[in-house]
Amino acid sequence: MRAAGPRDFFSAPPTFFFADARSATQLFIVFSVPQGKPRIMGKEKVHMNLVVVGHVDAGKSTATGHLIYKCGGIDKRTIEKFEKEAAEIGKSSFKYAWVLDKLKAERERGITIDIALWKFESPKSVFTIIDAPGHRDFIKNMITGTSQADAAVLVIASSQGEFEAGISKDGQTREHALLAFTLGVKQMVVCCNKMDDKSVNFAQERYDEIVKEVSAYLKKVGYNVEKVRFIPISGWQGDNMIDKSENMPWYKGPTLLEALDMLEPPVRPSDKPLRLPLQDVYKIGGIGTVPVGRVETGTMKPGDVVTFAPANVTTEVKSIEMHHEQLVEATPGDNVGFNVKNVSVKDIRRGNVCGNSKNDPPKEAADFGAGDHPEPPGQIGNGYAPVLDCHLPHRVQSSPDRVKIDRRSSQGPETPSQVGDAAMVRMVPPKPMCVEVFNDYAPLSRFAVRDMHERSPSASSRW
C-alpha cells in the first residue's frame, strides 16, 4: 500500500526527484499513465480522516507507521528494507517512521517536515491518516494537515522529561491541541506513547499523572474530556495498538484501533453547495492538470462545471479519483484528485477554493470580520499584520474597525484587544483570498494566526 496524496491518482508508481534535500517544497514527481480502467471505489465503510499531532519526537510517525503495518497497509518486506537502510545510518529505531517520512530530508534529520497521507482499514472504517509535523519550524504544514481532519490522535511521550517539555507553555502538545480544536477537530484520542521507556517501565502511576494533567488542559481548550480516550501504548513495540498489552495488565480500556473505531462518524454537509480547498495542483503528462484537496461541503461529479476562487477560473471536471480508485461522486470528507479541462497549473494554485459554478460559487473576499479567541501575544490594534493560515498562509492586516467583546454580554466598546480579550477585528488581505462566513461554511471560515512563528489568536470569519 503506497501513501495517499499526489500518488493517489494513478496506479503506476511515480519517481521522485529532489532539487534541494533541505526543502519539502522542492519535490518533482513523474507519473506513468496506467493501463486499463480504474476500479470504482465503494462506500460501504465509514470514511474518517485522522490527523496525528503532538510534540516533536513524541513518536508520532513511528506509532502511525507501526499501526499501518499492523493493519496490513504495508508489507513485511518493505519494513525489513526500511530497517536495513535505517541501521546503515545509525537510526535503526526509525524503520516504522520511514513508512511516512518519505522525503530524504526527513529521513536524515529524523523529523517530519511535510504532512503525509496514508490509508488503512479497520473492521468498521476506512481511515486516511494525516501525519503532521511536530517541529515548530513546520507549524504551517501541521495547520494544513489538521484543517483536513475529522478527528485527532494526540501522541504524547510518556518518558521523563519529554512529557514535561511537550506540555510546557512553549511545548507543541498544548499548541497542537488548541489548534486542532480551533480548526474544528472536536474528537480526539490521546496516545500515551513510549510506555516501554526505562524511565516509565509501563507504570500505571505515570499514565495516571499524564491523564490528569492533559485532561485539565484539554478541558480548558474546549474538549469534552469524558469522550477523550487515553491509550497507553508503545509505538515501537506495538503494545495496546492492535492487541492488548501483557506489559500493562492494569489497563482495562480499548486498544488504539478499537478506540478509533469508537469515533463518531462526522456529519457530512452534502446538501450544501460544493466547497473544496486545494491542497496542491499537479501537471501530469498525458493527463493534464490535477488539483488535489478535500471536499468540505457538497458533492462533485465528473461533468460538473466548477469555479476556482479567488482565481476566477471556470472549467469542467473530467474525472475524480481517491486512493487509486475512480469515484462516480466525491462527497464531504473525501481527499481526492480530479482532472480538469483546459486549465494550466499556472491558472490555479494551492489555497484556491473550488465550487460548483451554478450553485453559489466561491468568491474573493475583499475584507472580512474575524472573531478571535483569547491568548494573543500582545495588543492587537490598527495595522497589525500577522500571517493567517486559512487553506494557505496569507499576510493580512487589521483595519481601524475593532471591537473588544465582553464575553458575558457579547458587546463592548471599540478598543484594542489585549491578552485575555476576545475581539471582533476587520481583516484586509493585501492579495486575493477566499474565506467563508462561519454560519454558511464553517469548515472554510476557521483559521489560525501566526506572528513571528508564534501561534496567536485562533479565529473564524463572522461576516
Protein backbone atom coordinates (compact mmCIF):
# COMPACT_ATOMS: atom_id res chain seq x y z
CA MET A 1 0.00 0.00 0.00
CA ARG A 2 1.50 3.31 -1.04
CA ALA A 3 0.95 6.63 0.65
CA ALA A 4 -2.01 8.73 -0.44
CA GLY A 5 -1.52 12.18 -1.88
CA PRO A 6 -0.37 13.06 -5.39
CA ARG A 7 0.37 9.37 -5.93
CA ASP A 8 -3.31 8.53 -5.45
CA PHE A 9 -4.41 9.42 -8.93
CA PHE A 10 -2.82 6.67 -10.98
CA SER A 11 -1.76 3.16 -10.08
CA ALA A 12 1.68 3.24 -11.73
CA PRO A 13 4.40 4.20 -9.22
CA PRO A 14 5.86 7.71 -9.51
CA THR A 15 9.52 8.68 -9.48
CA PHE A 16 10.70 11.40 -7.09
CA PHE A 17 13.46 13.94 -7.70
CA PHE A 18 14.69 16.45 -5.11
CA ALA A 19 16.08 19.83 -6.09
CA ASP A 20 17.08 20.55 -2.50
CA ALA A 21 17.19 17.92 0.22
CA ARG A 22 16.56 20.58 2.86
CA SER A 23 13.25 21.67 1.40
CA ALA A 24 9.99 19.75 1.43
CA THR A 25 8.68 22.03 -1.29
CA GLN A 26 11.27 21.28 -3.99
CA LEU A 27 9.76 17.94 -4.98
CA PHE A 28 9.23 16.87 -8.58
CA ILE A 29 7.04 13.89 -9.42
CA VAL A 30 6.94 11.91 -12.66
CA PHE A 31 3.79 9.84 -13.20
CA SER A 32 3.23 6.94 -15.56
CA VAL A 33 -0.17 6.62 -17.22
CA PRO A 34 -1.87 3.38 -16.05
CA GLN A 35 -3.18 0.66 -18.31
CA GLY A 36 -6.84 -0.31 -18.11
CA LYS A 37 -9.71 1.28 -16.22
CA PRO A 38 -9.55 2.13 -12.51
CA ARG A 39 -11.96 0.43 -10.15
CA ILE A 40 -14.98 2.20 -8.73
CA MET A 41 -14.42 2.87 -5.04
CA GLY A 42 -17.16 1.60 -2.73
CA LYS A 43 -18.73 3.49 0.18
CA GLU A 44 -19.62 0.51 2.39
CA LYS A 45 -17.44 1.62 5.31
CA VAL A 46 -17.32 4.93 7.14
CA HIS A 47 -14.52 7.17 5.83
CA MET A 48 -12.63 9.08 8.54
CA ASN A 49 -9.70 11.49 8.21
CA LEU A 50 -7.34 11.37 11.20
CA VAL A 51 -4.57 13.84 11.93
CA VAL A 52 -1.70 12.67 14.14
CA VAL A 53 -0.29 15.56 16.17
CA GLY A 54 2.00 16.13 19.13
CA HIS A 55 5.33 17.49 20.33
CA VAL A 56 8.45 16.91 18.24
CA ASP A 57 9.95 13.44 18.86
CA ALA A 58 6.83 12.20 20.66
CA GLY A 59 6.91 9.18 18.34
CA LYS A 60 4.05 10.17 16.02
CA SER A 61 5.49 8.76 12.81
CA THR A 62 6.75 5.57 14.49
CA ALA A 63 3.38 4.85 16.13
CA THR A 64 1.47 5.67 12.96
CA GLY A 65 3.77 3.63 10.72
CA HIS A 66 3.54 0.65 13.09
CA LEU A 67 -0.27 0.89 13.12
CA ILE A 68 -0.39 0.97 9.31
CA TYR A 69 1.92 -2.06 9.18
CA LYS A 70 -0.18 -3.97 11.74
CA CYS A 71 -3.33 -3.24 9.73
CA GLY A 72 -1.79 -4.60 6.53
CA GLY A 73 -1.13 -1.23 4.94
CA ILE A 74 2.49 -2.14 4.17
CA ASP A 75 4.19 -5.49 3.70
CA LYS A 76 6.87 -7.07 5.91
CA ARG A 77 9.49 -6.98 3.14
CA THR A 78 9.24 -3.19 2.91
CA ILE A 79 9.58 -2.82 6.69
CA GLU A 80 12.69 -5.04 6.63
CA LYS A 81 14.10 -2.86 3.85
CA PHE A 82 13.50 0.27 5.94
CA GLU A 83 15.10 -1.41 8.96
CA LYS A 84 18.26 -2.21 6.98
CA GLU A 85 18.51 1.30 5.49
CA ALA A 86 17.92 2.94 8.87
CA ALA A 87 20.60 0.80 10.51
CA GLU A 88 23.10 1.85 7.85
CA ILE A 89 22.87 5.48 9.01
CA GLY A 90 22.67 4.60 12.71
CA LYS A 91 18.91 5.12 13.15
CA SER A 92 17.54 1.59 13.32
CA SER A 93 14.62 2.66 15.53
CA PHE A 94 13.24 4.75 12.67
CA LYS A 95 12.03 1.87 10.49
CA TYR A 96 8.32 2.45 11.19
CA ALA A 97 8.64 6.23 10.96
CA TRP A 98 10.11 5.81 7.49
CA VAL A 99 6.77 4.43 6.31
CA LEU A 100 5.62 8.05 6.45
CA ASP A 101 8.80 10.15 6.41
CA LYS A 102 9.37 9.58 2.71
CA LEU A 103 11.46 12.63 1.94
CA LYS A 104 15.24 12.39 2.05
CA ALA A 105 15.47 15.49 4.24
CA GLU A 106 13.07 13.97 6.76
CA ARG A 107 14.99 10.72 6.95
CA GLU A 108 18.33 12.43 7.51
CA ARG A 109 17.02 14.82 10.16
CA GLY A 110 14.73 12.28 11.79
CA ILE A 111 11.73 14.62 11.88
CA THR A 112 8.58 15.01 9.81
CA ILE A 113 8.61 18.16 7.65
CA ASP A 114 5.51 17.95 5.47
CA ILE A 115 2.19 16.20 6.01
CA ALA A 116 1.91 12.59 4.85
CA LEU A 117 -1.32 10.77 3.96
CA TRP A 118 -1.85 7.02 4.27
CA LYS A 119 -4.87 4.74 4.14
CA PHE A 120 -5.70 1.71 6.28
CA GLU A 121 -8.88 -0.13 7.21
CA SER A 122 -10.44 -1.41 10.42
CA PRO A 123 -13.50 -3.68 10.65
CA LYS A 124 -15.73 -0.60 10.75
CA SER A 125 -13.95 2.24 8.96
CA VAL A 126 -11.57 3.34 6.24
CA PHE A 127 -9.05 5.77 7.71
CA THR A 128 -6.91 8.30 5.92
CA ILE A 129 -4.12 9.19 8.33
CA ILE A 130 -2.52 12.61 8.14
CA ASP A 131 0.86 12.60 9.90
CA ALA A 132 1.53 16.24 10.79
CA PRO A 133 4.93 17.74 11.66
CA GLY A 134 5.64 18.32 15.34
CA HIS A 135 8.60 20.65 14.87
CA ARG A 136 7.78 24.34 15.35
CA ASP A 137 9.61 25.26 12.12
CA PHE A 138 6.92 23.42 10.15
CA ILE A 139 3.82 24.56 12.07
CA LYS A 140 2.14 25.86 8.89
CA ASN A 141 2.26 22.31 7.46
CA MET A 142 0.75 20.98 10.68
CA ILE A 143 -2.09 23.52 10.36
CA THR A 144 -2.69 22.43 6.75
CA GLY A 145 -2.96 18.79 7.81
CA THR A 146 -5.19 19.47 10.80
CA SER A 147 -7.65 21.53 8.76
CA GLN A 148 -8.42 18.37 6.72
CA ALA A 149 -9.17 16.08 9.68
CA ASP A 150 -12.34 14.66 11.24
CA ALA A 151 -10.57 13.55 14.42
CA ALA A 152 -7.16 13.93 16.03
CA VAL A 153 -4.75 11.45 17.58
CA LEU A 154 -2.59 13.36 20.06
CA VAL A 155 0.65 11.46 20.69
CA ILE A 156 2.41 12.23 23.97
CA ALA A 157 5.83 10.95 25.02
CA SER A 158 5.39 9.44 28.49
CA SER A 159 9.12 9.34 29.20
CA GLN A 160 10.58 11.50 31.96
CA GLY A 161 11.48 14.95 30.68
CA GLU A 162 9.84 14.53 27.27
CA PHE A 163 6.29 14.75 28.60
CA GLU A 164 7.18 17.79 30.68
CA ALA A 165 8.77 19.51 27.65
CA GLY A 166 5.74 18.86 25.47
CA ILE A 167 3.14 20.03 27.99
CA SER A 168 5.13 23.14 28.96
CA LYS A 169 3.95 26.58 27.91
CA ASP A 170 6.23 26.51 24.85
CA GLY A 171 5.61 22.85 24.00
CA GLN A 172 3.78 21.65 20.91
CA THR A 173 1.45 19.37 22.92
CA ARG A 174 -0.52 22.40 24.11
CA GLU A 175 -0.25 24.24 20.80
CA HIS A 176 -1.37 21.31 18.67
CA ALA A 177 -4.33 20.51 20.94
CA LEU A 178 -5.50 24.13 20.81
CA LEU A 179 -5.05 24.38 17.05
CA ALA A 180 -6.91 21.11 16.48
CA PHE A 181 -9.93 22.33 18.44
CA THR A 182 -9.80 25.76 16.80
CA LEU A 183 -9.72 24.25 13.32
CA GLY A 184 -12.87 22.25 14.06
CA VAL A 185 -11.45 18.88 15.15
CA LYS A 186 -13.72 18.10 18.11
CA GLN A 187 -12.94 14.38 18.55
CA MET A 188 -9.62 13.23 19.98
CA VAL A 189 -7.81 10.08 21.04
CA VAL A 190 -4.70 10.56 23.21
CA CYS A 191 -1.84 8.05 22.96
CA CYS A 192 0.47 7.98 25.96
CA ASN A 193 3.43 6.71 23.93
CA LYS A 194 6.84 5.35 24.98
CA MET A 195 5.40 3.44 27.93
CA ASP A 196 8.27 0.99 27.32
CA ASP A 197 10.87 3.66 28.09
CA LYS A 198 13.16 2.79 31.02
CA SER A 199 12.03 5.88 32.91
CA VAL A 200 8.40 4.68 32.73
CA ASN A 201 8.60 0.87 32.58
CA PHE A 202 4.85 0.56 31.83
CA ALA A 203 3.95 2.15 35.18
CA GLN A 204 0.29 2.98 35.82
CA GLU A 205 1.32 5.87 38.08
CA ARG A 206 2.97 7.69 35.17
CA TYR A 207 -0.06 7.06 32.94
CA ASP A 208 -2.43 8.42 35.62
CA GLU A 209 -0.24 11.51 36.07
CA ILE A 210 -0.31 12.26 32.34
CA VAL A 211 -4.07 11.66 32.03
CA LYS A 212 -4.76 14.07 34.88
CA GLU A 213 -2.61 16.91 33.53
CA VAL A 214 -3.56 16.57 29.87
CA SER A 215 -7.27 16.22 30.68
CA ALA A 216 -7.19 19.51 32.57
CA TYR A 217 -5.68 21.31 29.59
CA LEU A 218 -8.00 19.71 27.01
CA LYS A 219 -10.99 20.74 29.12
CA LYS A 220 -9.65 24.31 29.20
CA VAL A 221 -9.28 24.26 25.40
CA GLY A 222 -12.90 23.16 24.98
CA TYR A 223 -12.85 19.38 24.55
CA ASN A 224 -15.39 17.16 26.29
CA VAL A 225 -12.79 15.14 28.22
CA GLU A 226 -15.33 12.45 29.11
CA LYS A 227 -15.29 11.46 25.43
CA VAL A 228 -11.49 11.63 25.04
CA ARG A 229 -9.89 8.20 25.37
CA PHE A 230 -6.33 7.86 26.71
CA ILE A 231 -4.46 4.78 25.46
CA PRO A 232 -1.07 3.75 26.98
CA ILE A 233 0.99 2.44 24.06
CA SER A 234 4.44 1.64 22.78
CA GLY A 235 4.61 2.81 19.19
CA TRP A 236 7.86 0.88 18.78
CA GLN A 237 6.87 -2.46 20.36
CA GLY A 238 3.17 -2.28 19.44
CA ASP A 239 1.68 -2.51 22.95
CA ASN A 240 -2.08 -1.74 23.02
CA MET A 241 -2.16 -0.75 19.37
CA ILE A 242 -4.00 -3.74 17.89
CA ASP A 243 -3.83 -6.29 20.71
CA LYS A 244 -3.97 -5.89 24.48
CA SER A 245 -0.56 -5.47 26.07
CA GLU A 246 0.66 -8.11 28.51
CA ASN A 247 3.01 -5.47 29.93
CA MET A 248 0.10 -3.34 31.18
CA PRO A 249 -2.49 -5.69 32.71
CA TRP A 250 -3.76 -2.78 34.82
CA TYR A 251 -5.17 -1.05 31.72
CA LYS A 252 -8.76 -2.17 31.04
CA GLY A 253 -9.67 0.23 28.22
CA PRO A 254 -9.72 -0.24 24.43
CA THR A 255 -6.71 -0.66 22.19
CA LEU A 256 -5.82 2.17 19.82
CA LEU A 257 -7.58 0.53 16.86
CA GLU A 258 -10.68 -0.15 18.98
CA ALA A 259 -10.69 3.48 20.16
CA LEU A 260 -10.50 4.71 16.57
CA ASP A 261 -13.48 2.54 15.65
CA MET A 262 -15.42 4.15 18.52
CA LEU A 263 -15.13 7.61 16.98
CA GLU A 264 -18.44 9.05 15.86
CA PRO A 265 -18.77 9.44 12.08
CA PRO A 266 -18.86 13.15 11.26
CA VAL A 267 -21.98 14.76 9.86
CA ARG A 268 -21.23 15.31 6.18
CA PRO A 269 -22.83 18.52 4.82
CA SER A 270 -23.50 17.08 1.38
CA ASP A 271 -26.66 19.20 0.98
CA LYS A 272 -24.67 22.45 0.92
CA PRO A 273 -23.02 23.90 -2.21
CA LEU A 274 -19.62 22.45 -3.13
CA ARG A 275 -16.53 23.76 -1.34
CA LEU A 276 -13.15 22.09 -1.92
CA PRO A 277 -9.98 23.94 -0.81
CA LEU A 278 -6.98 22.95 -2.92
CA GLN A 279 -4.08 21.30 -1.12
CA ASP A 280 -1.97 21.30 -4.29
CA VAL A 281 -2.10 21.33 -8.10
CA TYR A 282 -0.16 18.91 -10.32
CA LYS A 283 0.58 18.67 -14.03
CA ILE A 284 0.65 15.04 -15.15
CA GLY A 285 1.98 14.10 -18.57
CA GLY A 286 -0.69 12.62 -20.83
CA ILE A 287 -3.42 13.54 -18.34
CA GLY A 288 -3.32 17.29 -17.73
CA THR A 289 -3.94 19.44 -14.67
CA VAL A 290 -4.94 17.60 -11.48
CA PRO A 291 -5.96 19.68 -8.42
CA VAL A 292 -5.86 17.88 -5.06
CA GLY A 293 -7.96 18.60 -1.99
CA ARG A 294 -10.62 17.52 0.48
CA VAL A 295 -14.32 18.01 -0.16
CA GLU A 296 -15.61 20.07 2.79
CA THR A 297 -19.23 20.56 1.71
CA GLY A 298 -21.42 19.49 -1.18
CA THR A 299 -20.65 16.91 -3.84
CA MET A 300 -18.70 16.79 -7.08
CA LYS A 301 -19.19 14.54 -10.12
CA PRO A 302 -17.43 14.14 -13.45
CA GLY A 303 -19.02 16.57 -15.89
CA ASP A 304 -19.66 19.27 -13.26
CA VAL A 305 -18.71 22.82 -14.20
CA VAL A 306 -16.68 24.32 -11.36
CA THR A 307 -15.18 27.70 -10.46
CA PHE A 308 -11.95 28.33 -8.53
CA ALA A 309 -11.75 31.40 -6.27
CA PRO A 310 -10.10 33.83 -5.98
CA ALA A 311 -8.51 32.85 -9.33
CA ASN A 312 -11.93 33.24 -11.03
CA VAL A 313 -11.26 30.26 -13.32
CA THR A 314 -14.16 28.14 -14.61
CA THR A 315 -13.76 24.66 -16.11
CA GLU A 316 -15.25 21.17 -16.32
CA VAL A 317 -14.37 18.17 -14.15
CA LYS A 318 -13.27 15.22 -16.32
CA SER A 319 -12.64 12.54 -13.67
CA ILE A 320 -12.24 12.10 -9.90
CA GLU A 321 -10.04 9.60 -8.03
CA MET A 322 -9.24 8.69 -4.42
CA HIS A 323 -6.74 6.07 -3.18
CA HIS A 324 -6.09 4.79 -6.74
CA GLU A 325 -9.79 4.24 -7.39
CA GLN A 326 -12.22 6.20 -9.52
CA LEU A 327 -15.22 7.90 -7.92
CA VAL A 328 -18.57 8.48 -9.56
CA GLU A 329 -19.17 11.13 -6.88
CA ALA A 330 -16.94 12.86 -4.30
CA THR A 331 -18.64 13.65 -1.00
CA PRO A 332 -17.59 15.61 2.11
CA GLY A 333 -14.52 14.12 3.78
CA ASP A 334 -13.08 12.62 0.60
CA ASN A 335 -9.44 13.52 -0.17
CA VAL A 336 -9.47 13.49 -3.96
CA GLY A 337 -7.58 14.35 -7.11
CA PHE A 338 -9.63 15.49 -10.08
CA ASN A 339 -8.71 16.16 -13.69
CA VAL A 340 -9.99 19.45 -15.20
CA LYS A 341 -10.28 20.65 -18.80
CA ASN A 342 -8.20 23.38 -20.43
CA VAL A 343 -6.67 24.74 -17.21
CA SER A 344 -2.94 25.29 -16.70
CA VAL A 345 -1.19 24.69 -13.38
CA LYS A 346 -0.36 28.41 -13.56
CA ASP A 347 -4.07 29.34 -13.55
CA ILE A 348 -4.94 27.85 -10.16
CA ARG A 349 -2.88 27.25 -7.04
CA ARG A 350 -2.80 25.76 -3.57
CA GLY A 351 -5.22 27.64 -1.32
CA ASN A 352 -7.81 28.29 -4.04
CA VAL A 353 -11.34 27.07 -3.31
CA CYS A 354 -13.35 25.05 -5.82
CA GLY A 355 -17.15 25.30 -6.03
CA ASN A 356 -19.98 24.49 -8.43
CA SER A 357 -20.39 27.33 -10.92
CA LYS A 358 -24.18 27.01 -10.89
CA ASN A 359 -24.71 26.79 -7.13
CA ASP A 360 -23.32 29.64 -5.00
CA PRO A 361 -19.73 29.53 -6.33
CA PRO A 362 -16.95 30.78 -4.00
CA LYS A 363 -15.81 34.38 -4.37
CA GLU A 364 -12.88 36.57 -3.41
CA ALA A 365 -13.16 38.33 -0.03
CA ALA A 366 -12.12 41.99 -0.08
CA ASP A 367 -12.26 42.02 3.73
CA PHE A 368 -13.89 40.03 6.50
CA GLY A 369 -14.77 40.25 10.17
CA ALA A 370 -12.86 37.86 12.39
CA GLY A 371 -13.90 36.80 15.87
CA ASP A 372 -10.71 35.84 17.69
CA HIS A 373 -10.22 33.62 20.70
CA PRO A 374 -8.10 34.87 23.60
CA GLU A 375 -4.37 34.30 24.05
CA PRO A 376 -2.89 36.75 21.51
CA PRO A 377 0.80 37.56 22.10
CA GLY A 378 0.05 41.19 22.88
CA GLN A 379 -2.13 44.10 21.86
CA ILE A 380 -4.00 43.85 18.55
CA GLY A 381 -4.61 47.27 17.01
CA ASN A 382 -4.92 49.04 13.68
CA GLY A 383 -2.18 47.94 11.27
CA TYR A 384 -1.48 44.61 13.00
CA ALA A 385 -0.29 42.38 10.11
CA PRO A 386 0.10 38.69 11.03
CA VAL A 387 0.10 35.60 8.82
CA LEU A 388 -3.30 33.96 8.64
CA ASP A 389 -3.48 30.22 7.91
CA CYS A 390 -6.76 29.56 6.09
CA HIS A 391 -6.28 26.90 3.34
CA LEU A 392 -2.87 28.58 2.74
CA PRO A 393 -0.74 31.12 4.65
CA HIS A 394 -1.82 34.69 3.83
CA ARG A 395 -0.50 38.01 5.10
CA VAL A 396 -3.41 40.12 6.33
CA GLN A 397 -3.76 43.45 8.09
CA SER A 398 -6.31 44.65 10.64
CA SER A 399 -8.34 47.76 9.83
CA PRO A 400 -9.45 50.54 12.22
CA ASP A 401 -12.69 48.61 12.90
CA ARG A 402 -12.02 46.54 16.01
CA VAL A 403 -14.30 45.74 18.91
CA LYS A 404 -13.35 44.22 22.24
CA ILE A 405 -16.04 41.79 23.31
CA ASP A 406 -17.43 41.46 26.82
CA ARG A 407 -17.90 37.69 26.88
CA ARG A 408 -20.80 37.99 29.31
CA SER A 409 -22.86 40.35 27.16
CA SER A 410 -21.22 39.83 23.73
CA GLN A 411 -20.96 43.61 23.48
CA GLY A 412 -18.22 46.11 24.19
CA PRO A 413 -16.55 49.38 23.25
CA GLU A 414 -14.20 49.86 20.30
CA THR A 415 -10.73 49.41 21.73
CA PRO A 416 -7.52 47.48 21.01
CA SER A 417 -7.70 43.92 22.31
CA GLN A 418 -5.05 42.68 24.71
CA VAL A 419 -4.09 39.40 26.36
CA GLY A 420 -7.19 37.56 27.59
CA ASP A 421 -9.67 39.54 25.47
CA ALA A 422 -11.95 38.12 22.81
CA ALA A 423 -12.46 40.55 19.95
CA MET A 424 -14.04 41.18 16.57
CA VAL A 425 -11.48 42.52 14.10
CA ARG A 426 -11.92 43.55 10.45
CA MET A 427 -9.14 41.93 8.43
CA VAL A 428 -7.99 43.11 4.98
CA PRO A 429 -5.92 40.71 2.82
CA PRO A 430 -3.45 42.59 0.57
CA LYS A 431 -3.70 39.79 -2.02
CA PRO A 432 -6.81 37.94 -3.30
CA MET A 433 -8.13 35.42 -0.79
CA CYS A 434 -11.22 33.21 -0.38
CA VAL A 435 -12.70 32.85 3.10
CA GLU A 436 -16.29 31.99 4.02
CA VAL A 437 -18.72 33.08 6.75
CA PHE A 438 -18.93 30.71 9.72
CA ASN A 439 -22.73 30.33 9.59
CA ASP A 440 -22.62 29.40 5.88
CA TYR A 441 -19.50 27.24 5.54
CA ALA A 442 -17.96 26.61 8.96
CA PRO A 443 -15.01 24.46 7.73
CA LEU A 444 -13.82 27.28 5.45
CA SER A 445 -14.27 30.06 8.00
CA ARG A 446 -11.74 28.81 10.56
CA PHE A 447 -8.15 29.94 10.63
CA ALA A 448 -5.14 30.33 12.88
CA VAL A 449 -2.98 33.44 13.16
CA ARG A 450 0.81 33.34 13.42
CA ASP A 451 3.01 36.23 14.47
CA MET A 452 6.78 35.75 14.06
CA HIS A 453 6.30 31.94 14.03
CA GLU A 454 4.27 32.12 17.24
CA ARG A 455 0.67 30.95 17.26
CA SER A 456 -1.51 33.86 18.36
CA PRO A 457 -5.30 34.06 18.28
CA SER A 458 -7.41 31.39 16.68
CA ALA A 459 -10.49 32.70 14.95
CA SER A 460 -13.30 32.34 12.46
CA SER A 461 -14.86 34.64 9.88
CA ARG A 462 -18.15 36.14 11.06
CA TRP A 463 -19.09 38.39 8.13
